[in-house]
């Protein structure tokens, strides 16, 4: 018999989503939300459950019921979401969200910090996903639309393994043990490095050197890095050395490169410091 469902991503995550889909979310009735918006314009909705510092659990719903659940860095806010409003979080959904992180070995959010909102939409939209489980017909339709548009948001979930997702969670909107962090703005990913406390330079000097190296690297490897505007930069987070921007579709590949990148980036900074100390500053002593 043909399986009517499609599974994208790490198996352990998919198993949890499959249970959530059948045992929890499909038992909810969403008809009242559609009835409250009698205009035929709103034929779909997206439900987001999230907490600060954690990816969102999302559910795509049409008038016939839920058809796709997933794990995403998105929390709505893009132009595709027509009408948004906050709702209270049902206890069984909040419990699943917390338990989910416990089962994958992560520290779960506090129940009081979990939020939920619903976005009413004309058309079901593609969402950047770490993993997803859904009805085959509707999910394949979204994947085909992505292919036509030349984007990878839902499709990239198939490239995330258990290890890669856990790698993301260890630095998700927080500093990792190796002094970097990942922050998300829909399909954009900000990869930031932290200023090292043991540096002999001032913060301004460290940032100036790092900015120069970052510019050279970003311009030379535009297949990975994207231009970062001031509007997209992180605000209010201290000790940031520099920030790179990549597309979410590149993230699985980038995770494979992070360890080597950190080593080579540090080597480049150290070499520039050596050149400054041994060549540039001695040559400019006459300026004193």
Protein backbone atom coordinates (compact mmCIF):
# COMPACT_ATOMS: atom_id res chain seq x y z
CA UNK A 1 0.00 0.00 0.00
CA UNK A 2 1.31 3.47 -0.91
CA UNK A 3 2.37 5.62 2.03
CA UNK A 4 0.31 8.82 1.98
CA UNK A 5 2.89 10.76 3.98
CA UNK A 6 6.27 12.29 3.24
CA UNK A 7 9.15 12.50 5.70
CA UNK A 8 11.96 15.05 5.40
CA UNK A 9 14.92 15.16 7.77
CA UNK A 10 16.47 13.24 10.62
CA UNK A 11 14.60 10.06 11.56
CA UNK A 12 14.42 10.74 15.30
CA UNK A 13 12.81 14.12 14.63
CA UNK A 14 10.39 12.69 12.09
CA UNK A 15 9.23 9.99 14.49
CA UNK A 16 8.27 12.68 17.00
CA UNK A 17 6.51 14.79 14.37
CA UNK A 18 4.57 11.79 13.12
CA UNK A 19 3.32 11.09 16.64
CA UNK A 20 2.48 14.77 17.15
CA UNK A 21 0.58 14.90 13.85
CA UNK A 22 -1.60 11.86 14.45
CA UNK A 23 -2.00 11.87 18.24
CA UNK A 24 -2.25 15.59 18.96
CA UNK A 25 -2.69 18.10 16.17
CA UNK A 26 -5.18 16.12 14.04
CA UNK A 27 -7.51 15.93 17.05
CA UNK A 28 -7.90 19.71 17.07
CA UNK A 29 -10.68 21.41 15.13
CA UNK A 30 -9.60 24.54 13.28
CA UNK A 31 -12.98 25.24 11.69
CA UNK A 32 -13.75 28.08 14.13
CA UNK A 33 -10.69 30.03 12.96
CA UNK A 34 -11.83 29.82 9.36
CA UNK A 35 -15.43 30.60 10.30
CA UNK A 36 -14.27 33.71 12.15
CA UNK A 37 -12.84 34.95 8.83
CA UNK A 38 -15.76 34.30 6.52
CA UNK A 39 -14.06 35.89 3.55
CA UNK A 40 -12.91 33.20 1.12
CA UNK A 41 -9.54 35.01 0.97
CA UNK A 42 -8.20 33.07 3.94
CA UNK A 43 -8.08 29.42 2.91
CA UNK A 44 -4.97 28.38 4.82
CA UNK A 45 -3.29 29.06 8.14
CA UNK A 46 0.08 28.47 9.76
CA UNK A 47 0.36 27.82 13.48
CA UNK A 48 3.68 28.66 15.17
CA UNK A 49 4.76 27.48 18.63
CA UNK A 50 8.08 28.90 19.83
CA UNK A 51 10.19 30.27 22.67
CA UNK A 52 13.09 32.70 22.57
CA UNK A 53 16.31 30.86 21.79
CA UNK A 54 14.54 27.87 20.22
CA UNK A 55 13.33 26.97 16.72
CA UNK A 56 9.58 27.03 16.13
CA UNK A 57 7.26 24.08 15.76
CA UNK A 58 4.88 24.92 12.92
CA UNK A 59 1.69 23.38 11.54
CA UNK A 60 0.25 24.12 8.09
CA UNK A 61 -3.53 23.85 8.00
CA UNK A 62 -6.18 24.21 5.32
CA UNK A 63 -9.93 24.08 5.71
CA UNK A 64 -9.87 20.29 5.43
CA UNK A 65 -7.44 20.05 8.35
CA UNK A 66 -3.67 19.94 9.16
CA UNK A 67 -1.36 18.60 6.46
CA UNK A 68 2.25 19.46 7.42
CA UNK A 69 4.23 19.88 10.64
CA UNK A 70 7.85 20.89 10.94
CA UNK A 71 10.71 22.49 12.81
CA UNK A 72 11.76 25.94 11.58
CA UNK A 73 13.82 29.06 12.38
CA UNK A 74 10.92 31.13 11.06
CA UNK A 75 8.32 32.65 13.33
CA UNK A 76 6.22 34.34 10.67
CA UNK A 77 6.46 37.98 9.72
CA UNK A 78 7.13 37.61 5.99
CA UNK A 79 4.82 39.10 3.37
CA UNK A 80 3.12 35.77 2.73
CA UNK A 81 1.41 35.94 6.11
CA UNK A 82 -1.74 37.99 5.63
CA UNK A 83 -3.21 38.23 9.12
CA UNK A 84 -1.56 37.28 12.40
CA UNK A 85 -2.82 37.02 15.96
CA UNK A 86 -1.62 35.50 19.21
CA UNK A 87 -3.52 32.66 20.86
CA UNK A 88 -3.08 30.78 24.12
CA UNK A 89 -0.96 27.64 23.93
CA UNK A 90 -2.92 24.39 24.55
CA UNK A 91 -1.29 22.43 27.36
CA UNK A 92 -0.69 19.28 25.30
CA UNK A 93 1.03 21.27 22.55
CA UNK A 94 3.22 23.09 25.09
CA UNK A 95 4.06 19.75 26.72
CA UNK A 96 5.02 18.22 23.37
CA UNK A 97 7.22 21.23 22.55
CA UNK A 98 9.11 20.96 25.85
CA UNK A 99 9.33 17.15 25.75
CA UNK A 100 10.61 17.26 22.19
CA UNK A 101 13.76 19.12 23.25
CA UNK A 102 14.26 16.82 26.22
CA UNK A 103 14.15 13.76 23.96
CA UNK A 104 16.86 15.12 21.67
CA UNK A 105 19.10 15.97 24.63
CA UNK A 106 18.58 19.74 24.70
CA UNK A 107 17.56 21.93 27.63
CA UNK A 108 13.85 22.66 27.10
CA UNK A 109 12.26 26.11 27.37
CA UNK A 110 10.16 26.99 30.41
CA UNK A 111 6.43 26.51 29.86
CA UNK A 112 5.78 30.16 30.72
CA UNK A 113 8.09 31.25 27.87
CA UNK A 114 6.29 29.30 25.13
CA UNK A 115 4.21 31.40 22.73
CA UNK A 116 1.83 30.58 19.91
CA UNK A 117 0.29 32.58 17.12
CA UNK A 118 -1.67 31.87 13.98
CA UNK A 119 -1.27 33.40 10.53
CA UNK A 120 -4.23 33.31 8.16
CA UNK A 121 -3.22 33.01 4.51
CA UNK A 122 -4.62 32.86 1.02
CA UNK A 123 -2.14 30.20 0.00
CA UNK A 124 0.05 27.71 1.87
CA UNK A 125 3.63 28.97 1.78
CA UNK A 126 7.01 27.31 1.87
CA UNK A 127 8.78 27.52 5.23
CA UNK A 128 12.49 27.07 6.01
CA UNK A 129 12.62 23.71 7.79
CA UNK A 130 15.08 21.58 9.74
CA UNK A 131 12.69 18.60 9.52
CA UNK A 132 9.10 18.05 8.38
CA UNK A 133 6.35 15.44 8.22
CA UNK A 134 3.17 15.82 6.20
CA UNK A 135 0.58 14.51 3.82
CA UNK A 136 2.25 13.55 0.58
CA UNK A 137 0.02 15.32 -1.97
CA UNK A 138 0.04 18.75 -0.29
CA UNK A 139 3.73 18.58 0.69
CA UNK A 140 4.88 17.56 -2.78
CA UNK A 141 2.93 20.50 -4.22
CA UNK A 142 4.92 22.92 -2.05
CA UNK A 143 8.20 21.22 -3.00
CA UNK A 144 7.33 21.53 -6.70
CA UNK A 145 6.58 25.22 -6.28
CA UNK A 146 9.95 25.69 -4.59
CA UNK A 147 11.65 24.00 -7.52
CA UNK A 148 9.86 26.27 -10.01
CA UNK A 149 10.82 29.38 -8.02
CA UNK A 150 14.40 28.17 -7.62
CA UNK A 151 14.39 28.30 -3.82
CA UNK A 152 15.12 25.72 -1.13
CA UNK A 153 13.31 26.19 2.17
CA UNK A 154 11.26 23.09 2.87
CA UNK A 155 13.38 20.91 0.57
CA UNK A 156 16.60 21.63 2.49
CA UNK A 157 15.20 19.77 5.52
CA UNK A 158 16.17 16.51 3.83
CA UNK A 159 19.85 17.49 4.28
CA UNK A 160 19.72 17.89 8.06
CA UNK A 161 20.85 14.87 10.08
CA UNK A 162 20.33 14.43 13.83
CA UNK A 163 23.89 15.59 14.42
CA UNK A 164 23.53 18.71 12.28
CA UNK A 165 20.31 19.82 13.97
CA UNK A 166 21.85 19.30 17.41
CA UNK A 167 24.87 21.30 16.20
CA UNK A 168 22.48 24.13 15.35
CA UNK A 169 20.68 23.92 18.70
CA UNK A 170 23.95 24.26 20.62
CA UNK A 171 24.49 27.71 19.08
CA UNK A 172 20.89 28.76 18.36
CA UNK A 173 20.66 32.43 19.40
CA UNK A 174 23.32 31.77 22.04
CA UNK A 175 27.13 31.61 22.19
CA UNK A 176 28.48 28.10 21.75
CA UNK A 177 31.47 26.73 23.64
CA UNK A 178 33.59 27.54 20.58
CA UNK A 179 32.62 31.23 20.59
CA UNK A 180 30.22 31.44 17.68
CA UNK A 181 26.43 31.71 17.40
CA UNK A 182 23.68 31.30 14.82
CA UNK A 183 20.83 33.79 14.56
CA UNK A 184 17.98 33.55 12.09
CA UNK A 185 15.88 36.00 10.09
CA UNK A 186 13.51 33.79 8.09
CA UNK A 187 15.70 32.24 5.35
CA UNK A 188 18.76 34.30 6.32
CA UNK A 189 21.32 32.92 8.80
CA UNK A 190 23.75 35.13 10.70
CA UNK A 191 26.98 33.42 11.77
CA UNK A 192 28.75 35.53 14.40
CA UNK A 193 32.14 35.15 16.06
CA UNK A 194 32.89 36.31 19.60
CA UNK A 195 35.79 38.52 20.67
CA UNK A 196 38.32 36.47 22.62
CA UNK A 197 39.09 37.72 26.11
CA UNK A 198 42.76 36.77 25.90
CA UNK A 199 43.47 39.14 23.01
CA UNK A 200 46.16 41.81 23.52
CA UNK A 201 44.37 44.19 21.16
CA UNK A 202 41.49 46.52 21.94
CA UNK A 203 37.98 45.52 20.84
CA UNK A 204 38.09 48.20 18.13
CA UNK A 205 41.38 46.86 16.78
CA UNK A 206 40.09 43.28 16.78
CA UNK A 207 36.90 44.28 14.99
CA UNK A 208 38.78 46.32 12.40
CA UNK A 209 41.06 43.40 11.47
CA UNK A 210 38.19 40.90 11.51
CA UNK A 211 36.06 43.19 9.33
CA UNK A 212 38.81 43.39 6.73
CA UNK A 213 39.23 39.60 6.63
CA UNK A 214 35.46 39.10 6.53
CA UNK A 215 35.08 41.45 3.55
CA UNK A 216 37.77 39.63 1.59
CA UNK A 217 36.30 36.21 2.38
CA UNK A 218 32.69 37.23 1.68
CA UNK A 219 33.57 38.81 -1.65
CA UNK A 220 35.73 35.88 -2.70
CA UNK A 221 33.26 33.14 -1.74
CA UNK A 222 29.88 34.53 -2.73
CA UNK A 223 28.70 30.94 -3.31
CA UNK A 224 28.42 30.68 0.47
CA UNK A 225 28.31 34.20 1.93
CA UNK A 226 25.81 36.96 1.17
CA UNK A 227 26.15 40.73 1.65
CA UNK A 228 25.10 41.81 5.14
CA UNK A 229 23.37 45.18 5.43
CA UNK A 230 23.32 47.32 8.55
CA UNK A 231 19.57 46.70 8.86
CA UNK A 232 20.13 42.92 8.99
CA UNK A 233 22.99 43.08 11.51
CA UNK A 234 22.55 41.89 15.09
CA UNK A 235 21.69 44.57 17.59
CA UNK A 236 22.19 44.66 21.34
CA UNK A 237 24.50 41.64 21.62
CA UNK A 238 27.89 42.44 23.20
CA UNK A 239 31.27 40.93 22.34
CA UNK A 240 30.54 40.29 18.65
CA UNK A 241 33.75 40.26 16.64
CA UNK A 242 32.16 40.03 13.20
CA UNK A 243 29.13 38.50 11.47
CA UNK A 244 28.73 36.60 8.21
CA UNK A 245 25.41 36.02 6.46
CA UNK A 246 24.45 32.86 4.58
CA UNK A 247 21.23 31.54 3.11
CA UNK A 248 19.35 28.87 5.04
CA UNK A 249 19.72 26.51 2.06
CA UNK A 250 23.52 26.56 2.56
CA UNK A 251 23.38 25.83 6.30
CA UNK A 252 23.71 21.99 6.14
CA UNK A 253 26.85 22.39 4.01
CA UNK A 254 28.16 25.20 6.22
CA UNK A 255 27.88 23.07 9.37
CA UNK A 256 30.37 20.64 7.82
CA UNK A 257 32.81 23.53 7.33
CA UNK A 258 32.52 25.41 10.63
CA UNK A 259 35.35 23.67 12.53
CA UNK A 260 37.87 24.18 9.75
CA UNK A 261 36.64 27.72 9.11
CA UNK A 262 37.16 28.72 12.75
CA UNK A 263 40.71 27.35 12.69
CA UNK A 264 41.63 29.08 9.42
CA UNK A 265 39.96 32.36 10.39
CA UNK A 266 41.93 32.45 13.67
CA UNK A 267 45.13 31.71 11.75
CA UNK A 268 44.43 34.61 9.38
CA UNK A 269 43.83 37.03 12.26
CA UNK A 270 47.00 35.90 14.03
CA UNK A 271 49.06 36.34 10.88
CA UNK A 272 47.72 39.85 10.33
CA UNK A 273 48.54 40.70 13.95
CA UNK A 274 52.08 39.44 13.38
CA UNK A 275 52.47 41.59 10.25
CA UNK A 276 51.21 44.64 12.12
CA UNK A 277 53.55 44.06 15.07
CA UNK A 278 56.68 43.08 13.11
CA UNK A 279 56.37 45.15 9.94
CA UNK A 280 53.76 47.91 9.91
CA UNK A 281 54.25 49.45 13.36
CA UNK A 282 58.09 49.38 13.22
CA UNK A 283 57.98 51.07 9.81
CA UNK A 284 55.77 53.83 11.20
CA UNK A 285 57.74 54.66 14.36
CA UNK A 286 58.73 58.01 12.87
CA UNK A 287 55.15 59.16 13.40
CA UNK A 288 55.60 59.22 17.18
